[in-house]
C-alpha atoms as a PDB file:
ATOM      1  CA  MET A   1      67.733  31.917 135.539  1.00  0.00           C
ATOM      2  CA  ALA A   2      64.590  30.028 136.482  1.00  0.00           C
ATOM      3  CA  ARG A   3      61.133  31.241 137.865  1.00  0.00           C
ATOM      4  CA  PRO A   4      58.069  28.757 138.505  1.00  0.00           C
ATOM      5  CA  THR A   5      55.422  29.579 136.196  1.00  0.00           C
ATOM      6  CA  PHE A   6      52.586  27.831 134.563  1.00  0.00           C
ATOM      7  CA  ASP A   7      54.783  27.609 131.317  1.00  0.00           C
ATOM      8  CA  THR A   8      57.976  26.967 133.284  1.00  0.00           C
ATOM      9  CA  PRO A   9      57.079  24.908 136.296  1.00  0.00           C
ATOM     10  CA  PHE A  10      59.486  23.566 138.712  1.00  0.00           C
ATOM     11  CA  TYR A  11      59.165  19.985 139.788  1.00  0.00           C
ATOM     12  CA  PHE A  12      58.618  18.640 143.633  1.00  0.00           C
ATOM     13  CA  PHE A  13      59.422  14.846 143.400  1.00  0.00           C
ATOM     14  CA  THR A  14      58.803  12.446 146.168  1.00  0.00           C
ATOM     15  CA  SER A  15      60.744   8.897 145.824  1.00  0.00           C
ATOM     16  CA  VAL A  16      59.800   6.033 148.136  1.00  0.00           C
ATOM     17  CA  THR A  17      61.885   3.232 148.610  1.00  0.00           C
ATOM     18  CA  HIS A  18      60.733  -0.232 147.918  1.00  0.00           C
ATOM     19  CA  ASN A  19      58.369  -1.455 150.683  1.00  0.00           C
ATOM     20  CA  ARG A  20      59.347   1.864 152.660  1.00  0.00           C
ATOM     21  CA  LEU A  21      62.442  -0.166 153.530  1.00  0.00           C
ATOM     22  CA  LYS A  22      64.779   2.293 155.622  1.00  0.00           C
ATOM     23  CA  VAL A  23      67.839   2.385 153.471  1.00  0.00           C
ATOM     24  CA  PHE A  24      69.270   5.524 154.256  1.00  0.00           C
ATOM     25  CA  ARG A  25      69.165   5.508 158.132  1.00  0.00           C
ATOM     26  CA  THR A  26      72.812   5.570 158.287  1.00  0.00           C
ATOM     27  CA  GLU A  27      75.384   8.120 157.498  1.00  0.00           C
ATOM     28  CA  LYS A  28      76.667   5.830 154.946  1.00  0.00           C
ATOM     29  CA  PHE A  29      73.797   5.455 152.829  1.00  0.00           C
ATOM     30  CA  LYS A  30      72.730   9.049 152.943  1.00  0.00           C
ATOM     31  CA  GLU A  31      76.120   9.828 151.574  1.00  0.00           C
ATOM     32  CA  LEU A  32      75.852   7.301 148.637  1.00  0.00           C
ATOM     33  CA  LEU A  33      72.484   8.905 147.775  1.00  0.00           C
ATOM     34  CA  CYS A  34      73.809  12.424 147.888  1.00  0.00           C
ATOM     35  CA  ASP A  35      76.801  11.378 145.854  1.00  0.00           C
ATOM     36  CA  ALA A  36      74.251   9.789 143.337  1.00  0.00           C
ATOM     37  CA  LEU A  37      71.945  12.588 143.207  1.00  0.00           C
ATOM     38  CA  ASN A  38      75.039  14.969 142.752  1.00  0.00           C
ATOM     39  CA  GLU A  39      76.005  12.747 139.736  1.00  0.00           C
ATOM     40  CA  ALA A  40      72.284  12.871 138.455  1.00  0.00           C
ATOM     41  CA  ARG A  41      72.502  16.789 138.640  1.00  0.00           C
ATOM     42  CA  ARG A  42      75.754  17.095 136.778  1.00  0.00           C
ATOM     43  CA  SER A  43      74.913  14.456 133.973  1.00  0.00           C
ATOM     44  CA  SER A  44      71.231  15.658 133.318  1.00  0.00           C
ATOM     45  CA  GLY A  45      71.858  19.437 133.601  1.00  0.00           C
ATOM     46  CA  MET A  46      68.983  19.835 136.199  1.00  0.00           C
ATOM     47  CA  LEU A  47      69.006  22.537 138.627  1.00  0.00           C
ATOM     48  CA  PHE A  48      68.450  21.565 142.160  1.00  0.00           C
ATOM     49  CA  PHE A  49      66.259  24.128 144.513  1.00  0.00           C
ATOM     50  CA  ALA A  50      65.633  22.181 147.743  1.00  0.00           C
ATOM     51  CA  TYR A  51      65.958  18.618 148.910  1.00  0.00           C
ATOM     52  CA  VAL A  52      65.836  16.332 152.001  1.00  0.00           C
ATOM     53  CA  ILE A  53      66.985  12.663 152.507  1.00  0.00           C
ATOM     54  CA  MET A  54      64.754  11.015 154.618  1.00  0.00           C
ATOM     55  CA  PRO A  55      65.257   7.248 156.033  1.00  0.00           C
ATOM     56  CA  GLU A  56      62.801   5.842 153.465  1.00  0.00           C
ATOM     57  CA  HIS A  57      62.377   8.603 150.821  1.00  0.00           C
ATOM     58  CA  PHE A  58      63.840  11.744 149.352  1.00  0.00           C
ATOM     59  CA  HIS A  59      62.150  14.948 148.484  1.00  0.00           C
ATOM     60  CA  ILE A  60      63.649  17.204 145.926  1.00  0.00           C
ATOM     61  CA  VAL A  61      62.656  20.454 143.855  1.00  0.00           C
ATOM     62  CA  THR A  62      64.172  20.587 140.205  1.00  0.00           C
ATOM     63  CA  ASP A  63      63.866  23.001 137.459  1.00  0.00           C
ATOM     64  CA  GLY A  64      61.398  22.149 134.578  1.00  0.00           C
ATOM     65  CA  ALA A  65      63.810  22.249 131.833  1.00  0.00           C
ATOM     66  CA  ARG A  66      63.442  18.042 131.548  1.00  0.00           C
ATOM     67  CA  THR A  67      60.195  16.321 131.313  1.00  0.00           C
ATOM     68  CA  PRO A  68      59.328  14.890 134.696  1.00  0.00           C
ATOM     69  CA  SER A  69      59.658  11.393 133.295  1.00  0.00           C
ATOM     70  CA  ASP A  70      62.961  12.195 132.126  1.00  0.00           C
ATOM     71  CA  SER A  71      63.962  14.041 135.358  1.00  0.00           C
ATOM     72  CA  LEU A  72      62.880  10.887 137.361  1.00  0.00           C
ATOM     73  CA  ARG A  73      64.954   8.563 135.085  1.00  0.00           C
ATOM     74  CA  TYR A  74      68.238  10.445 135.937  1.00  0.00           C
ATOM     75  CA  LEU A  75      66.975  10.747 139.900  1.00  0.00           C
ATOM     76  CA  ASN A  76      66.142   7.248 140.400  1.00  0.00           C
ATOM     77  CA  GLY A  77      68.100   5.533 137.622  1.00  0.00           C
ATOM     78  CA  ILE A  78      71.300   6.894 138.733  1.00  0.00           C
ATOM     79  CA  THR A  79      70.598   6.320 142.324  1.00  0.00           C
ATOM     80  CA  ALA A  80      69.082   2.861 142.317  1.00  0.00           C
ATOM     81  CA  ARG A  81      72.248   1.797 140.303  1.00  0.00           C
ATOM     82  CA  ARG A  82      74.680   3.219 142.631  1.00  0.00           C
ATOM     83  CA  ILE A  83      72.852   1.834 145.781  1.00  0.00           C
ATOM     84  CA  ILE A  84      72.259  -1.606 144.420  1.00  0.00           C
ATOM     85  CA  ASP A  85      75.918  -1.750 143.151  1.00  0.00           C
ATOM     86  CA  HIS A  86      77.226  -0.753 146.610  1.00  0.00           C
ATOM     87  CA  LEU A  87      74.917  -3.453 148.242  1.00  0.00           C
ATOM     88  CA  LYS A  88      76.255  -6.413 145.887  1.00  0.00           C
ATOM     89  CA  THR A  89      80.069  -5.286 146.400  1.00  0.00           C
ATOM     90  CA  HIS A  90      79.754  -4.552 149.938  1.00  0.00           C
ATOM     91  CA  GLY A  91      76.721  -5.796 151.432  1.00  0.00           C
ATOM     92  CA  PRO A  92      74.894  -6.265 153.691  1.00  0.00           C
ATOM     93  CA  GLU A  93      73.398  -9.318 151.695  1.00  0.00           C
ATOM     94  CA  GLU A  94      70.165  -9.277 153.850  1.00  0.00           C
ATOM     95  CA  SER A  95      69.633  -5.553 152.920  1.00  0.00           C
ATOM     96  CA  LEU A  96      70.131  -6.452 149.192  1.00  0.00           C
ATOM     97  CA  ASN A  97      67.676  -9.290 149.528  1.00  0.00           C
ATOM     98  CA  LYS A  98      64.790  -7.036 150.705  1.00  0.00           C
ATOM     99  CA  LEU A  99      65.267  -5.205 147.247  1.00  0.00           C
ATOM    100  CA  ARG A 100      64.855  -8.437 145.255  1.00  0.00           C
ATOM    101  CA  LEU A 101      62.028  -9.269 143.045  1.00  0.00           C
ATOM    102  CA  GLN A 102      61.495 -12.300 141.242  1.00  0.00           C
ATOM    103  CA  THR A 103      60.764 -12.099 137.245  1.00  0.00           C
ATOM    104  CA  LYS A 104      58.856 -14.305 135.267  1.00  0.00           C
ATOM    105  CA  ASP A 105      61.707 -16.456 134.207  1.00  0.00           C
ATOM    106  CA  ALA A 106      62.461 -16.958 137.657  1.00  0.00           C
ATOM    107  CA  ASP A 107      65.459 -14.882 137.792  1.00  0.00           C
ATOM    108  CA  TYR A 108      65.959 -12.112 140.224  1.00  0.00           C
ATOM    109  CA  LYS A 109      66.152  -8.222 139.700  1.00  0.00           C
ATOM    110  CA  TYR A 110      66.540  -5.485 142.322  1.00  0.00           C
ATOM    111  CA  SER A 111      64.392  -2.432 142.907  1.00  0.00           C
ATOM    112  CA  LEU A 112      65.058   0.274 145.150  1.00  0.00           C
ATOM    113  CA  TRP A 113      62.419   2.809 144.464  1.00  0.00           C
ATOM    114  CA  GLU A 114      58.610   2.327 144.473  1.00  0.00           C
ATOM    115  CA  HIS A 115      57.821   2.523 140.624  1.00  0.00           C
ATOM    116  CA  HIS A 116      55.240   5.529 141.112  1.00  0.00           C
ATOM    117  CA  SER A 117      57.051   8.274 142.430  1.00  0.00           C
ATOM    118  CA  ASP A 118      55.014  11.428 143.529  1.00  0.00           C
ATOM    119  CA  LYS A 119      55.398  14.528 141.142  1.00  0.00           C
ATOM    120  CA  PHE A 120      53.950  17.907 141.521  1.00  0.00           C
ATOM    121  CA  LEU A 121      54.084  20.862 139.424  1.00  0.00           C
ATOM    122  CA  ILE A 122      55.199  24.034 141.019  1.00  0.00           C
ATOM    123  CA  THR A 123      53.844  27.231 139.458  1.00  0.00           C
ATOM    124  CA  SER A 124      54.272  30.052 141.422  1.00  0.00           C
ATOM    125  CA  GLU A 125      56.705  31.376 144.091  1.00  0.00           C
ATOM    126  CA  SER A 126      54.374  30.953 146.896  1.00  0.00           C
ATOM    127  CA  MET A 127      53.693  27.128 145.894  1.00  0.00           C
ATOM    128  CA  LEU A 128      57.510  26.808 146.001  1.00  0.00           C
ATOM    129  CA  MET A 129      58.096  28.344 149.291  1.00  0.00           C
ATOM    130  CA  GLN A 130      55.444  26.004 150.664  1.00  0.00           C
ATOM    131  CA  LYS A 131      57.165  23.177 149.272  1.00  0.00           C
ATOM    132  CA  VAL A 132      60.420  24.130 150.662  1.00  0.00           C
ATOM    133  CA  ARG A 133      59.061  24.659 154.054  1.00  0.00           C
ATOM    134  CA  TYR A 134      57.480  20.991 153.847  1.00  0.00           C
ATOM    135  CA  ILE A 135      60.638  19.694 152.798  1.00  0.00           C
ATOM    136  CA  HIS A 136      62.731  21.322 155.475  1.00  0.00           C
ATOM    137  CA  ASN A 137      60.419  20.439 158.326  1.00  0.00           C
ATOM    138  CA  ASN A 138      60.163  16.727 157.282  1.00  0.00           C
ATOM    139  CA  PRO A 139      63.124  15.702 159.621  1.00  0.00           C
ATOM    140  CA  VAL A 140      61.867  17.860 162.551  1.00  0.00           C
ATOM    141  CA  GLU A 141      58.253  16.277 162.280  1.00  0.00           C
ATOM    142  CA  ALA A 142      59.742  12.679 162.173  1.00  0.00           C
ATOM    143  CA  GLY A 143      61.639  13.654 165.153  1.00  0.00           C
ATOM    144  CA  LEU A 144      65.125  13.427 163.335  1.00  0.00           C
ATOM    145  CA  SER A 145      66.311  16.849 164.096  1.00  0.00           C
ATOM    146  CA  GLU A 146      65.409  19.717 166.378  1.00  0.00           C
ATOM    147  CA  THR A 147      65.649  22.210 163.888  1.00  0.00           C
ATOM    148  CA  PRO A 148      65.771  22.197 160.111  1.00  0.00           C
ATOM    149  CA  GLU A 149      69.204  23.381 159.696  1.00  0.00           C
ATOM    150  CA  SER A 150      70.587  20.970 162.052  1.00  0.00           C
ATOM    151  CA  TYR A 151      69.856  17.888 159.733  1.00  0.00           C
ATOM    152  CA  ARG A 152      72.637  17.440 157.652  1.00  0.00           C
ATOM    153  CA  CYS A 153      71.201  16.105 154.378  1.00  0.00           C
ATOM    154  CA  SER A 154      68.757  18.949 153.778  1.00  0.00           C
ATOM    155  CA  SER A 155      69.228  22.237 151.887  1.00  0.00           C
ATOM    156  CA  ALA A 156      67.755  24.118 154.882  1.00  0.00           C
ATOM    157  CA  ARG A 157      70.992  25.975 155.641  1.00  0.00           C
ATOM    158  CA  TYR A 158      71.099  27.503 152.227  1.00  0.00           C
ATOM    159  CA  TRP A 159      67.305  28.721 152.551  1.00  0.00           C
ATOM    160  CA  LEU A 160      68.104  29.874 156.164  1.00  0.00           C
ATOM    161  CA  ARG A 161      71.360  31.381 155.419  1.00  0.00           C
ATOM    162  CA  LYS A 162      72.774  29.539 158.240  1.00  0.00           C
ATOM    163  CA  GLY A 163      76.513  28.389 158.133  1.00  0.00           C
ATOM    164  CA  LEU A 164      77.310  25.902 155.363  1.00  0.00           C
ATOM    165  CA  LEU A 165      78.874  22.676 155.802  1.00  0.00           C
ATOM    166  CA  ASP A 166      82.197  21.991 154.068  1.00  0.00           C
ATOM    167  CA  PRO A 167      81.129  20.108 152.106  1.00  0.00           C
ATOM    168  CA  GLU A 168      77.413  20.356 151.727  1.00  0.00           C
ATOM    169  CA  PRO A 169      76.026  16.891 150.825  1.00  0.00           C
ATOM    170  CA  ILE A 170      74.307  18.343 147.732  1.00  0.00           C
ATOM    171  CA  GLU A 171      74.623  21.950 146.109  1.00  0.00           C
ATOM    172  CA  VAL A 172      71.651  23.650 145.541  1.00  0.00           C
ATOM    173  CA  ASP A 173      70.778  26.266 142.948  1.00  0.00           C
ATOM    174  CA  ILE A 174      68.901  28.882 144.744  1.00  0.00           C
ATOM    175  CA  ARG A 175      70.806  31.629 143.441  1.00  0.00           C
ATOM    176  CA  LYS A 176      69.432  30.869 139.876  1.00  0.00           C
ATOM    177  CA  ILE A 177      66.100  31.394 140.592  1.00  0.00           C
ATOM    178  CA  ASP A 178      64.548  34.715 139.146  1.00  0.00           C
ATOM    179  CA  TRP A 179      62.578  35.971 141.977  1.00  0.00           C
ATOM    180  CA  LYS A 180      59.501  38.183 140.902  1.00  0.00           C
ATOM    181  CA  GLN A 181      58.450  39.218 144.349  1.00  0.00           C
ATOM    182  CA  ARG A 182      61.617  39.931 146.101  1.00  0.00           C
END
């Protein structure tokens, strides 16, 4: 069980695509990102409490069992590798080229994410709930969904106890939160 405190904070991460490219505007690329996040969750042992996938970024709340930099290495590293490998194999090539960066030796590398992901420590239940509401209202505020629970790539259905999809894009661990105030 996990509880957000000063000694055991949860993390709120925001990762933004390179140049805010709308890489995740299609269901296929959202699905690829969700699969990669699930892989990061399994391989790191992190707990995921809330998330949303937007066209050019994602927000996620995790436990604090790992350091923030280690957590981001899993989240951004695995997701970047899976998305870039998919683009290299299946295209579209013009999308891959938008992620291309020139290196010092005139070679090229690719970067899916901006290099400075946003992180915020969550040290209380009230702070956690503020971030959860923000995450779930993100697609509504952006005009992508009428309600938080109708947006497919979000944990809102878990939190609102609405009918879950079969399967849900990403499993969340809200049952592993040790609520002090409930």
